[in-house]
Each structure stands twice: as structure tokens, then as C-alpha cells.
Amino acid sequence: MRTMSETLKVVLLSILAYTIFLPCTILFAIGILFWRSCIKALVYFRHCGQGWRIVDPSSVGMASTDVYDTHSWTIATTFEIHQETFDLQKLRTDFEKTILSAKICETDPSSKLAYPELTSCLEEKFGYYFWRPCPSFKIEDHFSYLDVPNLKSIDDPEDFNALSNHLLRDRRWKKGQPLWEWLVVEKLDGKSLVMFRIHHIIADGWSLFKLAARMFTTENSVPLASVIPLPNASRGRSCLISPNFIKAPYEMVKLSRTLNSSTTLIPEEGMQ
């Protein structure tokens, strides 16, 4: 009797979910999207032709903490170079040529830049973040040698953890500047460290590695594709999320019935 009543309760809740919760959620989502579109249109109208772009919804969550505080969502990758010194000028030149100047379609001179966020800064308008082209951007400001006197050996876990904490926590981003930089530490037991640091709102870990791989691709490597693939996740995600969202109440009932019929449950009298 207890199992039947609990199953009936779940069924009733599922019916309410279909008739009340689901429509209300859809209306709420439509309202949020409509409001976001209005803000986007207003900002684009006020800054027409200035290259403003609203931050993608999947990325804006990375700005949930203060972007310019010590707890910002920062990621970094480190390369160990078997050279005592490293040519920072060449790194800067290669990055400008390979990444900053890269276009969506390399064969089309009029094509847009593939990574416009790397020359843009964050600007908040009406509670939403936008990418704004940075007028004071200088590539030289994002390449520097890092002096870490306490770092004696890269093989020492404590020293390496201290360096990681400095990259991800102690070092803050500057307002009005793009959220990325290259840092080089030289003369570490005959080696050097090359570090690419970037805010999570621009790229995730996989994108960070792809940028680095593109950066260090040589002429003898496999040639890169002429057209850089851009994510088209909005349509795919909507196709996947919609059926799963609609089936959620059914899955709740199915899970409840499975749990209630489990023979591994402890009887109530055994818990007294």
C-alpha cells in the first residue's frame, strides 16, 4: 500500500509538472530570452558599427565571480622548453600572425577575425556582459618575462604549485584590457617555462590547447584547415535539450518506481 501511494503521489506530481511547471518554465525562458534580445538590440543600436558583441550565454557563467579579483575563473597551460633562454619577440610575432590575424575563412580576405575576443575587453551594460574592441590594445602588453625568484626547480611540486597559484589566483586581470597573456620564466636548471594564461570566459581547457597547438604548428607539420570550424552548438543543443526536458517528468516516475521496488531498501522496522 505504501509503495502504491508513493507511486501515485509521484504520478500526480508529474502531471502537475506537465500542466503547470513545464509551461511556466517555458514562459519564463521565453521572457528571459526576449529581455536579453531587447538589451542586445539596444546596445547594438547605441554602439552601431563599433563591433560590440554580447557574451554567449554558455560563457557568461564564467564571469559569475569578479573577473578582476583573485578568484576569477582563470586557466593556464605551461610548456617546458629545453632552452635556458627563450625568444619572446618571436613568440609575439608568431602569435600575432597565427592567432590574432587568423580569419574564419583564410582564403577570403573580407572574412571576419576568428578570435575577436583576444583584442576585446569586457563591458557590462544593463546587467549583461559585452565584448567591446579595446582601443588601447597593444600586443606588447600581453607578452612579458616573469621574475619568480622563489622558483628554484620546476621538478619541485611545492615550487610548481606556488607558480600555479600565482598564475591562477595572485595575478589579476586589468580592466579595459583583453583577458589573456603569455609569460616566460627563464634559466631554470637549463630550461624555460612558457605559459599561456587566459580567462575562462574566452576559452575552456580544450580551446586553450587548440590555440596553443595552432600556435606551435610548424611548416613541416600537417597543414591547418583553410576554414576554421566554428561551434554551431545552439541548434544541436536545442535538439537534444528539448526532448530530454519534456521527458523529465516521465524519468522521475520511472526512477521513483525503480527505487521503490528495490529489494536492497532497509525496512522501516529495521531502522527503529
Protein backbone atom coordinates (compact mmCIF):
# COMPACT_ATOMS: atom_id res chain seq x y z
CA MET A 1 0.00 0.00 0.00
CA ARG A 2 2.83 2.36 0.87
CA THR A 3 4.54 1.77 -2.47
CA MET A 4 1.31 2.29 -4.39
CA SER A 5 0.53 5.55 -2.59
CA GLU A 6 4.03 6.90 -3.14
CA THR A 7 3.91 5.98 -6.82
CA LEU A 8 0.53 7.68 -7.13
CA LYS A 9 1.97 10.76 -5.48
CA VAL A 10 4.81 10.87 -7.99
CA VAL A 11 2.37 10.42 -10.87
CA LEU A 12 0.27 13.34 -9.63
CA LEU A 13 3.36 15.48 -9.24
CA SER A 14 4.42 14.55 -12.76
CA ILE A 15 1.03 15.58 -14.12
CA LEU A 16 1.38 18.90 -12.33
CA ALA A 17 4.85 19.24 -13.79
CA TYR A 18 3.46 18.82 -17.31
CA THR A 19 0.47 21.12 -16.81
CA ILE A 20 1.99 23.84 -14.60
CA PHE A 21 5.75 23.59 -14.18
CA LEU A 22 6.65 22.95 -17.83
CA PRO A 23 4.51 25.78 -19.30
CA CYS A 24 5.67 28.22 -16.62
CA THR A 25 9.30 27.29 -17.23
CA ILE A 26 8.89 27.75 -20.97
CA LEU A 27 7.22 31.13 -20.48
CA PHE A 28 9.96 32.18 -18.05
CA ALA A 29 12.69 31.12 -20.50
CA ILE A 30 10.95 32.98 -23.34
CA GLY A 31 10.75 36.09 -21.16
CA ILE A 32 14.45 35.90 -20.29
CA LEU A 33 15.43 35.42 -23.94
CA PHE A 34 13.16 38.28 -25.02
CA TRP A 35 14.63 40.61 -22.42
CA ARG A 36 18.17 39.59 -23.44
CA SER A 37 17.32 40.28 -27.09
CA CYS A 38 15.98 43.72 -26.17
CA ILE A 39 19.15 44.61 -24.25
CA LYS A 40 21.27 43.29 -27.11
CA ALA A 41 19.36 45.35 -29.69
CA LEU A 42 19.55 48.49 -27.52
CA VAL A 43 23.32 48.21 -27.01
CA TYR A 44 23.91 47.43 -30.68
CA PHE A 45 21.83 50.48 -31.63
CA ARG A 46 23.71 52.78 -29.26
CA HIS A 47 27.10 51.48 -30.41
CA CYS A 48 26.27 50.80 -34.03
CA GLY A 49 29.30 49.91 -36.12
CA GLN A 50 31.67 49.74 -33.14
CA GLY A 51 31.95 45.97 -33.06
CA TRP A 52 30.15 45.28 -29.78
CA ARG A 53 29.09 41.65 -29.26
CA ILE A 54 27.11 40.16 -26.41
CA VAL A 55 28.83 37.38 -24.49
CA ASP A 56 27.48 33.93 -25.28
CA PRO A 57 25.13 32.53 -22.56
CA SER A 58 27.32 29.44 -22.19
CA SER A 59 30.34 31.64 -21.43
CA VAL A 60 28.82 34.32 -19.22
CA GLY A 61 28.68 31.89 -16.30
CA MET A 62 32.46 32.12 -16.13
CA ALA A 63 32.01 35.75 -15.05
CA SER A 64 29.88 34.78 -12.05
CA THR A 65 32.80 35.82 -9.84
CA ASP A 66 34.59 39.15 -10.15
CA VAL A 67 36.66 38.95 -13.33
CA TYR A 68 39.30 41.28 -11.88
CA ASP A 69 39.55 39.66 -8.44
CA THR A 70 41.86 36.91 -7.22
CA HIS A 71 39.08 34.35 -7.51
CA SER A 72 38.35 34.89 -11.20
CA TRP A 73 37.94 31.88 -13.48
CA THR A 74 41.44 31.79 -14.95
CA ILE A 75 43.03 28.87 -16.75
CA ALA A 76 46.61 28.40 -17.94
CA THR A 77 48.82 25.94 -19.73
CA THR A 78 52.58 25.61 -19.27
CA PHE A 79 55.19 24.45 -21.77
CA GLU A 80 58.61 23.24 -20.70
CA ILE A 81 61.28 24.37 -23.16
CA HIS A 82 64.69 22.70 -23.06
CA GLN A 83 66.49 26.00 -23.52
CA GLU A 84 67.89 28.31 -20.88
CA THR A 85 66.55 31.38 -22.68
CA PHE A 86 63.51 31.96 -24.88
CA ASP A 87 62.86 34.45 -27.69
CA LEU A 88 59.78 36.38 -26.52
CA GLN A 89 59.82 38.62 -29.59
CA LYS A 90 59.43 35.63 -31.93
CA LEU A 91 56.62 34.26 -29.78
CA ARG A 92 54.80 37.59 -30.04
CA THR A 93 55.29 37.78 -33.79
CA ASP A 94 54.07 34.22 -34.31
CA PHE A 95 51.02 34.78 -32.11
CA GLU A 96 50.04 37.93 -33.97
CA LYS A 97 50.42 36.23 -37.33
CA THR A 98 48.91 32.84 -36.47
CA ILE A 99 46.18 33.70 -33.95
CA LEU A 100 45.31 37.40 -33.85
CA SER A 101 45.28 37.75 -37.63
CA ALA A 102 43.53 34.42 -38.26
CA LYS A 103 40.24 34.67 -40.12
CA ILE A 104 37.22 32.40 -40.24
CA CYS A 105 37.95 31.70 -43.89
CA GLU A 106 41.63 32.12 -44.66
CA THR A 107 41.00 32.18 -48.40
CA ASP A 108 38.56 35.11 -48.14
CA PRO A 109 40.27 38.47 -47.47
CA SER A 110 36.96 40.02 -46.34
CA SER A 111 36.31 37.27 -43.80
CA LYS A 112 35.92 38.22 -40.13
CA LEU A 113 38.55 37.53 -37.50
CA ALA A 114 38.37 34.08 -35.98
CA TYR A 115 39.21 35.23 -32.45
CA PRO A 116 37.93 38.82 -31.98
CA GLU A 117 37.70 38.33 -28.19
CA LEU A 118 41.51 38.38 -28.00
CA THR A 119 41.53 42.07 -28.93
CA SER A 120 38.40 43.00 -26.96
CA CYS A 121 37.63 43.80 -23.35
CA LEU A 122 34.58 43.14 -21.20
CA GLU A 123 31.96 45.84 -20.75
CA GLU A 124 28.83 45.47 -18.62
CA LYS A 125 25.59 47.03 -19.83
CA PHE A 126 22.23 46.60 -18.06
CA GLY A 127 23.49 43.52 -16.24
CA TYR A 128 24.83 41.79 -19.38
CA TYR A 129 28.43 41.41 -20.50
CA PHE A 130 29.53 42.53 -23.95
CA TRP A 131 32.78 42.28 -25.86
CA ARG A 132 34.00 45.74 -26.85
CA PRO A 133 37.00 46.27 -29.15
CA CYS A 134 39.80 47.58 -26.96
CA PRO A 135 41.07 50.92 -28.36
CA SER A 136 44.21 50.84 -26.20
CA PHE A 137 45.16 47.27 -27.08
CA LYS A 138 48.89 46.74 -27.57
CA ILE A 139 50.15 43.25 -28.15
CA GLU A 140 53.38 44.12 -26.32
CA ASP A 141 51.43 44.47 -23.06
CA HIS A 142 50.46 40.80 -23.18
CA PHE A 143 53.94 39.29 -23.52
CA SER A 144 56.43 39.56 -20.69
CA TYR A 145 59.17 37.80 -18.79
CA LEU A 146 58.12 36.71 -15.32
CA ASP A 147 60.58 37.03 -12.46
CA VAL A 148 59.97 34.34 -9.87
CA PRO A 149 62.97 34.37 -7.50
CA ASN A 150 61.48 31.72 -5.22
CA LEU A 151 61.11 29.24 -8.07
CA LYS A 152 64.24 27.10 -7.92
CA SER A 153 63.23 23.96 -9.79
CA ILE A 154 60.27 23.08 -12.00
CA ASP A 155 60.51 19.50 -10.77
CA ASP A 156 59.75 20.52 -7.20
CA PRO A 157 55.97 20.06 -6.60
CA GLU A 158 55.86 22.84 -3.99
CA ASP A 159 57.57 25.34 -6.28
CA PHE A 160 55.35 24.40 -9.20
CA ASN A 161 52.21 24.69 -7.05
CA ALA A 162 53.34 28.13 -5.91
CA LEU A 163 53.78 29.15 -9.55
CA SER A 164 50.33 27.78 -10.43
CA ASN A 165 48.73 29.70 -7.56
CA HIS A 166 50.41 32.87 -8.78
CA LEU A 167 49.11 32.35 -12.32
CA LEU A 168 45.56 31.39 -11.36
CA ARG A 169 44.97 33.47 -8.21
CA ASP A 170 47.53 36.12 -7.28
CA ARG A 171 47.92 37.67 -10.73
CA ARG A 172 44.91 39.83 -11.56
CA TRP A 173 43.46 40.95 -14.86
CA LYS A 174 43.43 44.63 -15.80
CA LYS A 175 40.17 46.40 -16.53
CA GLY A 176 39.77 47.63 -20.07
CA GLN A 177 42.30 45.10 -21.41
CA PRO A 178 41.91 41.72 -23.16
CA LEU A 179 41.93 38.80 -20.73
CA TRP A 180 44.97 36.82 -21.85
CA GLU A 181 48.75 36.93 -21.71
CA TRP A 182 51.94 34.97 -22.39
CA LEU A 183 54.57 34.71 -19.65
CA VAL A 184 58.09 33.32 -19.82
CA VAL A 185 60.33 32.17 -16.97
CA GLU A 186 63.96 31.60 -17.97
CA LYS A 187 67.06 29.92 -16.54
CA LEU A 188 65.54 27.10 -14.55
CA ASP A 189 68.09 24.28 -14.50
CA GLY A 190 68.89 24.98 -18.13
CA LYS A 191 65.20 25.14 -19.09
CA SER A 192 62.49 27.74 -19.61
CA LEU A 193 58.75 27.81 -18.96
CA VAL A 194 56.35 29.34 -21.47
CA MET A 195 52.89 29.94 -20.00
CA PHE A 196 49.67 30.91 -21.76
CA ARG A 197 47.16 32.41 -19.34
CA ILE A 198 43.58 33.24 -20.31
CA HIS A 199 40.21 33.88 -18.67
CA HIS A 200 37.68 31.08 -18.82
CA ILE A 201 35.06 33.38 -20.37
CA ILE A 202 37.13 33.40 -23.59
CA ALA A 203 38.02 29.73 -23.81
CA ASP A 204 37.74 26.44 -21.98
CA GLY A 205 40.59 24.00 -21.48
CA TRP A 206 40.07 22.28 -24.82
CA SER A 207 40.03 25.58 -26.70
CA LEU A 208 43.15 26.66 -24.83
CA PHE A 209 45.03 23.58 -26.01
CA LYS A 210 43.78 24.05 -29.58
CA LEU A 211 45.03 27.64 -29.61
CA ALA A 212 48.39 26.54 -28.26
CA ALA A 213 48.60 23.70 -30.80
CA ARG A 214 47.81 26.12 -33.62
CA MET A 215 50.38 28.50 -32.22
CA PHE A 216 53.24 25.98 -32.29
CA THR A 217 52.39 24.36 -35.61
CA THR A 218 55.47 24.48 -37.83
CA GLU A 219 55.81 24.49 -41.59
CA ASN A 220 56.70 20.80 -41.52
CA SER A 221 53.56 19.90 -39.59
CA VAL A 222 50.26 18.81 -41.05
CA PRO A 223 48.72 21.95 -42.64
CA LEU A 224 45.80 23.54 -40.84
CA ALA A 225 42.37 23.63 -42.42
CA SER A 226 41.74 26.70 -44.55
CA VAL A 227 38.43 27.26 -42.82
CA ILE A 228 38.43 27.32 -39.03
CA PRO A 229 35.44 25.32 -37.74
CA LEU A 230 33.16 27.42 -35.60
CA PRO A 231 30.88 25.95 -32.94
CA ASN A 232 27.26 25.65 -34.00
CA ALA A 233 26.01 24.24 -30.76
CA SER A 234 22.82 26.27 -30.42
CA ARG A 235 20.80 24.17 -32.86
CA GLY A 236 22.29 20.87 -31.74
CA ARG A 237 21.84 21.63 -28.08
CA SER A 238 18.25 22.71 -28.58
CA CYS A 239 17.50 19.47 -30.41
CA LEU A 240 18.95 17.47 -27.54
CA ILE A 241 17.70 19.52 -24.62
CA SER A 242 14.07 19.81 -25.72
CA PRO A 243 13.25 16.05 -25.78
CA ASN A 244 15.15 15.45 -22.55
CA PHE A 245 13.36 18.34 -20.88
CA ILE A 246 9.94 17.08 -21.96
CA LYS A 247 10.74 13.54 -20.83
CA ALA A 248 11.96 14.68 -17.41
CA PRO A 249 8.67 14.01 -15.51
CA TYR A 250 8.43 10.54 -17.06
CA GLU A 251 12.00 9.83 -16.00
CA MET A 252 11.14 10.98 -12.47
CA VAL A 253 8.29 8.47 -12.27
CA LYS A 254 10.47 5.74 -13.72
CA LEU A 255 13.22 6.44 -11.21
CA SER A 256 10.76 6.54 -8.31
CA ARG A 257 9.24 3.19 -9.27
CA THR A 258 12.69 1.66 -9.60
CA LEU A 259 13.75 2.89 -6.18
CA ASN A 260 10.50 1.84 -4.51
CA SER A 261 10.71 -1.65 -5.96
CA SER A 262 14.34 -2.13 -4.96
CA THR A 263 14.93 -5.16 -2.75
CA THR A 264 18.00 -3.54 -1.21
CA LEU A 265 15.99 -0.98 0.77
CA ILE A 266 16.25 -1.22 4.54
CA PRO A 267 12.80 -1.99 6.06
CA GLU A 268 11.42 0.80 8.21
CA GLU A 269 11.14 -1.53 11.20
CA GLY A 270 14.83 -2.28 10.89
CA MET A 271 15.68 1.40 11.30
CA GLN A 272 13.99 1.75 14.68
